[in-house]
Structure formats: C-alpha cells, structure tokens
C-alpha cells in the first residue's frame, strides 16, 4: 500500500500536467477544451486536499505553491480575456444601436423629403 506522501506526489504530478495543458489551451484560445481539462482536474484537487492534512504531505508545499502561482496566472489571463470580450461586446452593441437609429430615421414616412436640394 502506498503512503499518503507517495499518493500525493503522484496526484501532484497529474495536476501539474493538467495545469500545463490548461496553459497551452488558454494561449491557443481553446477555452471549451480548457474547461474540460479543469473538470478533469477537479477530482485530483479534491484528493490532494484530503491528503493535505497528512504530515508527510507537507513537504510538497513548494510544488503546490508553484502550481497555485501558475494557476493564478492562467486565471488572470482568462479574466483579462473576459474583460476584452466584454468591452468588444459593448462596442458592437453600441454600434448596432446607432445603426437601428439610422435605419429608423431613413425608413420614416415619405411625405415630404427631409432634405430638398435643387440643382
């Protein structure tokens, strides 16, 4: 039977691979695949949390800290991308509103011409 520290090292190695995959997918713009990797990593994280109370696992603290830092970096990249996309969505929405106003102005009833130019 494996000790808690051995199991934690194995799980930590698996989690490190997940974080690397997550980073690669993030920078490639494959967000749905990245979310799938995060879902696959969730049980590994839960198992590591349960093993964290064991005194033999405390020695892995540096690896865990490095993973957390990389994960925070990935999450800040996602947040920046969300902010950018939100700004772009607002810009496009404002453009659509301007276009609707222009279309409604041009499709007004044609009683008298709005602008009369004589040549």
N, C-alpha and C. Protein backbone atom coordinates (compact mmCIF):
# COMPACT_ATOMS: atom_id res chain seq x y z
N UNK A 1 0.84 -1.18 0.00
CA UNK A 1 0.00 0.00 0.00
C UNK A 1 0.88 1.24 0.00
N UNK A 2 0.46 2.23 -0.76
CA UNK A 2 1.24 3.45 -0.87
C UNK A 2 0.97 4.36 0.32
N UNK A 3 2.00 5.13 0.64
CA UNK A 3 1.82 6.10 1.72
C UNK A 3 1.09 7.33 1.17
N UNK A 4 0.62 8.16 2.08
CA UNK A 4 -0.08 9.38 1.67
C UNK A 4 0.84 10.29 0.88
N UNK A 5 2.11 10.35 1.25
CA UNK A 5 3.06 11.22 0.54
C UNK A 5 3.28 10.72 -0.89
N UNK A 6 3.38 9.40 -1.07
CA UNK A 6 3.56 8.84 -2.42
C UNK A 6 2.33 9.13 -3.29
N UNK A 7 1.17 8.93 -2.71
CA UNK A 7 -0.07 9.20 -3.44
C UNK A 7 -0.16 10.68 -3.78
N UNK A 8 0.20 11.54 -2.84
CA UNK A 8 0.15 12.99 -3.08
C UNK A 8 1.13 13.39 -4.17
N UNK A 9 2.32 12.80 -4.19
CA UNK A 9 3.29 13.11 -5.26
C UNK A 9 2.75 12.70 -6.63
N UNK A 10 2.14 11.53 -6.68
CA UNK A 10 1.56 11.06 -7.96
C UNK A 10 0.44 12.00 -8.40
N UNK A 11 -0.44 12.35 -7.48
CA UNK A 11 -1.54 13.25 -7.81
C UNK A 11 -1.04 14.64 -8.19
N UNK A 12 0.01 15.08 -7.53
CA UNK A 12 0.57 16.39 -7.84
C UNK A 12 1.19 16.40 -9.24
N UNK A 13 1.83 15.31 -9.61
CA UNK A 13 2.36 15.19 -10.98
C UNK A 13 1.25 15.24 -12.01
N UNK A 14 0.15 14.56 -11.72
CA UNK A 14 -1.00 14.60 -12.62
C UNK A 14 -1.56 16.02 -12.71
N UNK A 15 -1.67 16.68 -11.58
CA UNK A 15 -2.19 18.04 -11.56
C UNK A 15 -1.26 18.99 -12.31
N UNK A 16 0.04 18.80 -12.19
CA UNK A 16 0.99 19.62 -12.94
C UNK A 16 0.77 19.47 -14.44
N UNK A 17 0.53 18.25 -14.90
CA UNK A 17 0.26 18.03 -16.33
C UNK A 17 -1.04 18.72 -16.74
N UNK A 18 -2.05 18.67 -15.88
CA UNK A 18 -3.31 19.36 -16.18
C UNK A 18 -3.09 20.87 -16.29
N UNK A 19 -2.30 21.43 -15.41
CA UNK A 19 -2.07 22.88 -15.43
C UNK A 19 -1.30 23.28 -16.69
N UNK A 20 -0.35 22.44 -17.11
CA UNK A 20 0.39 22.72 -18.35
C UNK A 20 -0.57 22.66 -19.54
N UNK A 21 -1.43 21.64 -19.59
CA UNK A 21 -2.42 21.54 -20.67
C UNK A 21 -3.34 22.75 -20.68
N UNK A 22 -3.76 23.14 -19.49
CA UNK A 22 -4.64 24.30 -19.35
C UNK A 22 -3.98 25.56 -19.92
N UNK A 23 -2.72 25.75 -19.60
CA UNK A 23 -1.98 26.92 -20.08
C UNK A 23 -1.84 26.91 -21.60
N UNK A 24 -1.52 25.76 -22.15
CA UNK A 24 -1.38 25.64 -23.61
C UNK A 24 -2.70 25.94 -24.30
N UNK A 25 -3.78 25.35 -23.79
CA UNK A 25 -5.10 25.58 -24.39
C UNK A 25 -5.54 27.04 -24.24
N UNK A 26 -5.21 27.64 -23.12
CA UNK A 26 -5.56 29.04 -22.90
C UNK A 26 -4.89 29.93 -23.94
N UNK A 27 -3.60 29.75 -24.12
CA UNK A 27 -2.87 30.59 -25.06
C UNK A 27 -3.23 30.31 -26.51
N UNK A 28 -3.77 29.13 -26.78
CA UNK A 28 -4.24 28.80 -28.13
C UNK A 28 -5.67 29.26 -28.36
N UNK A 29 -6.35 29.67 -27.29
CA UNK A 29 -7.73 30.15 -27.42
C UNK A 29 -8.77 29.04 -27.44
N UNK A 30 -8.42 27.86 -26.98
CA UNK A 30 -9.34 26.73 -26.94
C UNK A 30 -10.00 26.66 -25.55
N UNK A 31 -10.94 27.56 -25.32
CA UNK A 31 -11.50 27.73 -23.99
C UNK A 31 -12.39 26.57 -23.56
N UNK A 32 -13.14 25.99 -24.48
CA UNK A 32 -14.00 24.88 -24.09
C UNK A 32 -13.17 23.65 -23.73
N UNK A 33 -12.08 23.42 -24.44
CA UNK A 33 -11.20 22.31 -24.10
C UNK A 33 -10.50 22.56 -22.78
N UNK A 34 -10.18 23.83 -22.52
CA UNK A 34 -9.56 24.19 -21.26
C UNK A 34 -10.51 23.91 -20.10
N UNK A 35 -11.78 24.22 -20.30
CA UNK A 35 -12.78 23.94 -19.26
C UNK A 35 -12.90 22.44 -19.02
N UNK A 36 -12.77 21.65 -20.07
CA UNK A 36 -12.82 20.19 -19.91
C UNK A 36 -11.63 19.70 -19.08
N UNK A 37 -10.46 20.28 -19.30
CA UNK A 37 -9.28 19.91 -18.51
C UNK A 37 -9.50 20.30 -17.04
N UNK A 38 -10.10 21.46 -16.82
CA UNK A 38 -10.37 21.89 -15.45
C UNK A 38 -11.33 20.94 -14.75
N UNK A 39 -12.34 20.45 -15.48
CA UNK A 39 -13.27 19.49 -14.90
C UNK A 39 -12.55 18.18 -14.55
N UNK A 40 -11.62 17.76 -15.41
CA UNK A 40 -10.88 16.54 -15.14
C UNK A 40 -9.93 16.72 -13.96
N UNK A 41 -9.46 17.94 -13.73
CA UNK A 41 -8.53 18.21 -12.64
C UNK A 41 -9.24 18.31 -11.29
N UNK A 42 -10.52 18.59 -11.29
CA UNK A 42 -11.26 18.82 -10.03
C UNK A 42 -11.15 17.64 -9.06
N UNK A 43 -11.33 16.38 -9.47
CA UNK A 43 -11.21 15.28 -8.50
C UNK A 43 -9.78 15.12 -7.98
N UNK A 44 -8.80 15.44 -8.81
CA UNK A 44 -7.40 15.35 -8.38
C UNK A 44 -7.15 16.38 -7.28
N UNK A 45 -7.68 17.58 -7.47
CA UNK A 45 -7.53 18.64 -6.47
C UNK A 45 -8.23 18.24 -5.17
N UNK A 46 -9.42 17.67 -5.30
CA UNK A 46 -10.16 17.23 -4.11
C UNK A 46 -9.37 16.16 -3.34
N UNK A 47 -8.78 15.22 -4.05
CA UNK A 47 -7.99 14.16 -3.40
C UNK A 47 -6.75 14.74 -2.72
N UNK A 48 -6.11 15.70 -3.38
CA UNK A 48 -4.94 16.34 -2.78
C UNK A 48 -5.32 17.11 -1.51
N UNK A 49 -6.46 17.74 -1.54
CA UNK A 49 -6.92 18.47 -0.35
C UNK A 49 -7.13 17.52 0.83
N UNK A 50 -7.68 16.36 0.54
CA UNK A 50 -7.89 15.37 1.62
C UNK A 50 -6.56 14.88 2.17
N UNK A 51 -5.56 14.72 1.31
CA UNK A 51 -4.25 14.23 1.75
C UNK A 51 -3.43 15.33 2.42
N UNK A 52 -3.81 16.59 2.23
CA UNK A 52 -3.04 17.71 2.76
C UNK A 52 -2.90 17.72 4.26
N UNK A 53 -3.80 17.08 4.97
CA UNK A 53 -3.74 17.04 6.43
C UNK A 53 -2.64 16.11 6.93
N UNK A 54 -2.17 15.22 6.08
CA UNK A 54 -1.14 14.27 6.49
C UNK A 54 0.21 14.99 6.63
N UNK A 55 0.94 14.74 7.71
CA UNK A 55 2.22 15.43 7.93
C UNK A 55 3.27 15.13 6.85
N UNK A 56 3.23 13.96 6.26
CA UNK A 56 4.20 13.62 5.21
C UNK A 56 3.98 14.37 3.92
N UNK A 57 2.81 14.88 3.73
CA UNK A 57 2.47 15.60 2.50
C UNK A 57 2.92 17.06 2.58
N UNK A 58 3.12 17.56 3.77
CA UNK A 58 3.51 18.97 3.95
C UNK A 58 4.81 19.30 3.22
N UNK A 59 5.66 18.32 2.98
CA UNK A 59 6.93 18.55 2.29
C UNK A 59 6.72 18.95 0.83
N UNK A 60 5.55 18.73 0.30
CA UNK A 60 5.25 19.07 -1.10
C UNK A 60 4.76 20.51 -1.25
N UNK A 61 4.85 21.27 -0.21
CA UNK A 61 4.33 22.64 -0.20
C UNK A 61 4.87 23.52 -1.30
N UNK A 62 6.17 23.40 -1.63
CA UNK A 62 6.76 24.24 -2.67
C UNK A 62 6.17 23.93 -4.04
N UNK A 63 5.98 22.65 -4.34
CA UNK A 63 5.38 22.28 -5.63
C UNK A 63 3.94 22.78 -5.70
N UNK A 64 3.23 22.67 -4.60
CA UNK A 64 1.85 23.15 -4.56
C UNK A 64 1.81 24.66 -4.76
N UNK A 65 2.73 25.39 -4.12
CA UNK A 65 2.78 26.85 -4.25
C UNK A 65 3.08 27.25 -5.70
N UNK A 66 4.00 26.52 -6.35
CA UNK A 66 4.33 26.82 -7.75
C UNK A 66 3.12 26.58 -8.65
N UNK A 67 2.40 25.49 -8.37
CA UNK A 67 1.18 25.20 -9.15
C UNK A 67 0.12 26.28 -8.95
N UNK A 68 -0.05 26.70 -7.71
CA UNK A 68 -1.04 27.74 -7.43
C UNK A 68 -0.68 29.04 -8.15
N UNK A 69 0.60 29.38 -8.18
CA UNK A 69 1.02 30.59 -8.88
C UNK A 69 0.73 30.50 -10.37
N UNK A 70 1.01 29.35 -10.95
CA UNK A 70 0.75 29.16 -12.39
C UNK A 70 -0.75 29.19 -12.67
N UNK A 71 -1.52 28.59 -11.79
CA UNK A 71 -2.98 28.57 -11.92
C UNK A 71 -3.53 29.99 -11.83
N UNK A 72 -3.01 30.80 -10.88
CA UNK A 72 -3.44 32.19 -10.76
C UNK A 72 -3.12 32.97 -12.03
N UNK A 73 -1.96 32.68 -12.61
CA UNK A 73 -1.58 33.34 -13.86
C UNK A 73 -2.56 32.98 -14.97
N UNK A 74 -2.90 31.71 -15.08
CA UNK A 74 -3.89 31.28 -16.08
C UNK A 74 -5.22 31.97 -15.86
N UNK A 75 -5.66 32.01 -14.60
CA UNK A 75 -6.95 32.63 -14.30
C UNK A 75 -6.94 34.13 -14.56
N UNK A 76 -5.80 34.79 -14.33
CA UNK A 76 -5.75 36.22 -14.63
C UNK A 76 -5.79 36.45 -16.14
N UNK A 77 -5.20 35.54 -16.92
CA UNK A 77 -5.29 35.64 -18.38
C UNK A 77 -6.73 35.47 -18.84
N UNK A 78 -7.44 34.54 -18.22
CA UNK A 78 -8.85 34.34 -18.56
C UNK A 78 -9.65 35.59 -18.21
N UNK A 79 -9.39 36.17 -17.05
CA UNK A 79 -10.10 37.38 -16.64
C UNK A 79 -9.83 38.53 -17.60
N UNK A 80 -8.58 38.66 -18.03
CA UNK A 80 -8.24 39.72 -18.99
C UNK A 80 -8.97 39.49 -20.32
N UNK A 81 -9.02 38.25 -20.75
CA UNK A 81 -9.72 37.93 -21.99
C UNK A 81 -11.22 38.21 -21.87
N UNK A 82 -11.80 37.89 -20.73
CA UNK A 82 -13.22 38.18 -20.49
C UNK A 82 -13.48 39.68 -20.51
N UNK A 83 -12.59 40.46 -19.90
CA UNK A 83 -12.74 41.91 -19.91
C UNK A 83 -12.68 42.45 -21.34
N UNK A 84 -11.72 41.94 -22.12
CA UNK A 84 -11.60 42.37 -23.51
C UNK A 84 -12.86 42.04 -24.29
N UNK A 85 -13.35 40.80 -24.14
CA UNK A 85 -14.54 40.39 -24.87
C UNK A 85 -15.77 41.18 -24.43
N UNK A 86 -15.87 41.50 -23.15
CA UNK A 86 -16.99 42.30 -22.64
C UNK A 86 -16.95 43.70 -23.26
N UNK A 87 -15.77 44.28 -23.35
CA UNK A 87 -15.61 45.61 -23.96
C UNK A 87 -15.99 45.56 -25.43
N UNK A 88 -15.56 44.54 -26.12
CA UNK A 88 -15.89 44.39 -27.54
C UNK A 88 -17.40 44.19 -27.74
N UNK A 89 -18.01 43.39 -26.88
CA UNK A 89 -19.45 43.17 -26.95
C UNK A 89 -20.20 44.49 -26.76
N UNK A 90 -19.78 45.29 -25.80
CA UNK A 90 -20.41 46.59 -25.56
C UNK A 90 -20.23 47.52 -26.75
N UNK A 91 -19.04 47.48 -27.37
CA UNK A 91 -18.78 48.32 -28.53
C UNK A 91 -19.67 47.92 -29.70
N UNK A 92 -19.80 46.62 -29.93
CA UNK A 92 -20.65 46.14 -31.02
C UNK A 92 -22.12 46.46 -30.74
N UNK A 93 -22.53 46.31 -29.49
CA UNK A 93 -23.91 46.63 -29.12
C UNK A 93 -24.21 48.11 -29.36
N UNK A 94 -23.29 48.98 -29.00
CA UNK A 94 -23.48 50.42 -29.23
C UNK A 94 -23.55 50.70 -30.73
N UNK A 95 -22.74 50.02 -31.52
CA UNK A 95 -22.80 50.18 -32.98
C UNK A 95 -24.13 49.73 -33.55
N UNK A 96 -24.67 48.64 -33.04
CA UNK A 96 -25.98 48.17 -33.50
C UNK A 96 -27.07 49.17 -33.16
N UNK A 97 -27.00 49.74 -31.97
CA UNK A 97 -28.00 50.74 -31.58
C UNK A 97 -27.93 51.95 -32.50
N UNK A 98 -26.73 52.40 -32.82
CA UNK A 98 -26.59 53.54 -33.75
C UNK A 98 -27.16 53.17 -35.12
N UNK A 99 -26.90 51.96 -35.56
CA UNK A 99 -27.40 51.51 -36.86
C UNK A 99 -28.93 51.44 -36.86
N UNK A 100 -29.54 50.94 -35.77
CA UNK A 100 -31.01 50.90 -35.69
C UNK A 100 -31.61 52.30 -35.77
N UNK A 101 -30.98 53.24 -35.08
CA UNK A 101 -31.49 54.62 -35.14
C UNK A 101 -31.39 55.17 -36.55
N UNK A 102 -30.30 54.88 -37.22
CA UNK A 102 -30.12 55.35 -38.59
C UNK A 102 -31.14 54.73 -39.53
N UNK A 103 -31.38 53.43 -39.38
CA UNK A 103 -32.36 52.75 -40.22
C UNK A 103 -33.76 53.29 -39.96
N UNK A 104 -34.11 53.53 -38.69
CA UNK A 104 -35.45 54.07 -38.40
C UNK A 104 -35.57 55.49 -38.93
N UNK A 105 -34.51 56.25 -38.94
CA UNK A 105 -34.53 57.61 -39.49
C UNK A 105 -34.76 57.57 -40.99
N UNK A 106 -34.09 56.67 -41.68
CA UNK A 106 -34.22 56.59 -43.13
C UNK A 106 -35.53 55.95 -43.57
N UNK A 107 -36.13 55.14 -42.75
CA UNK A 107 -37.36 54.47 -43.15
C UNK A 107 -38.60 55.22 -42.64
N UNK A 108 -38.44 56.48 -42.29
CA UNK A 108 -39.57 57.31 -41.85
C UNK A 108 -40.53 57.51 -43.02
N UNK A 109 -41.82 57.82 -42.76
CA UNK A 109 -42.80 58.01 -43.82
C UNK A 109 -42.32 59.07 -44.82
N UNK A 110 -42.63 58.82 -46.07
CA UNK A 110 -42.13 59.67 -47.14
C UNK A 110 -43.15 60.71 -47.56
N UNK A 111 -43.57 61.56 -46.67
CA UNK A 111 -44.50 62.66 -47.01
C UNK A 111 -43.74 63.75 -47.75
N UNK A 112 -42.90 64.42 -47.06
CA UNK A 112 -42.06 65.44 -47.65
C UNK A 112 -40.62 64.96 -47.56
N UNK A 113 -39.85 65.30 -48.52
CA UNK A 113 -38.45 64.93 -48.41
C UNK A 113 -37.79 65.68 -47.27
N UNK A 114 -36.97 65.04 -46.56
CA UNK A 114 -36.30 65.68 -45.41
C UNK A 114 -35.29 66.72 -45.86
N UNK A 115 -34.57 66.39 -46.87
CA UNK A 115 -33.61 67.32 -47.42
C UNK A 115 -33.98 67.59 -48.87
N UNK A 116 -34.17 68.81 -49.21
CA UNK A 116 -34.51 69.15 -50.59
C UNK A 116 -33.34 69.91 -51.18
N UNK A 117 -32.83 69.40 -52.23
CA UNK A 117 -31.73 70.06 -52.91
C UNK A 117 -32.15 70.37 -54.32
N UNK A 118 -31.89 71.58 -54.75
CA UNK A 118 -32.24 71.95 -56.12
C UNK A 118 -30.96 72.01 -56.93
N UNK A 119 -31.09 71.55 -58.13
CA UNK A 119 -29.92 71.52 -58.99
C UNK A 119 -30.11 72.47 -60.12
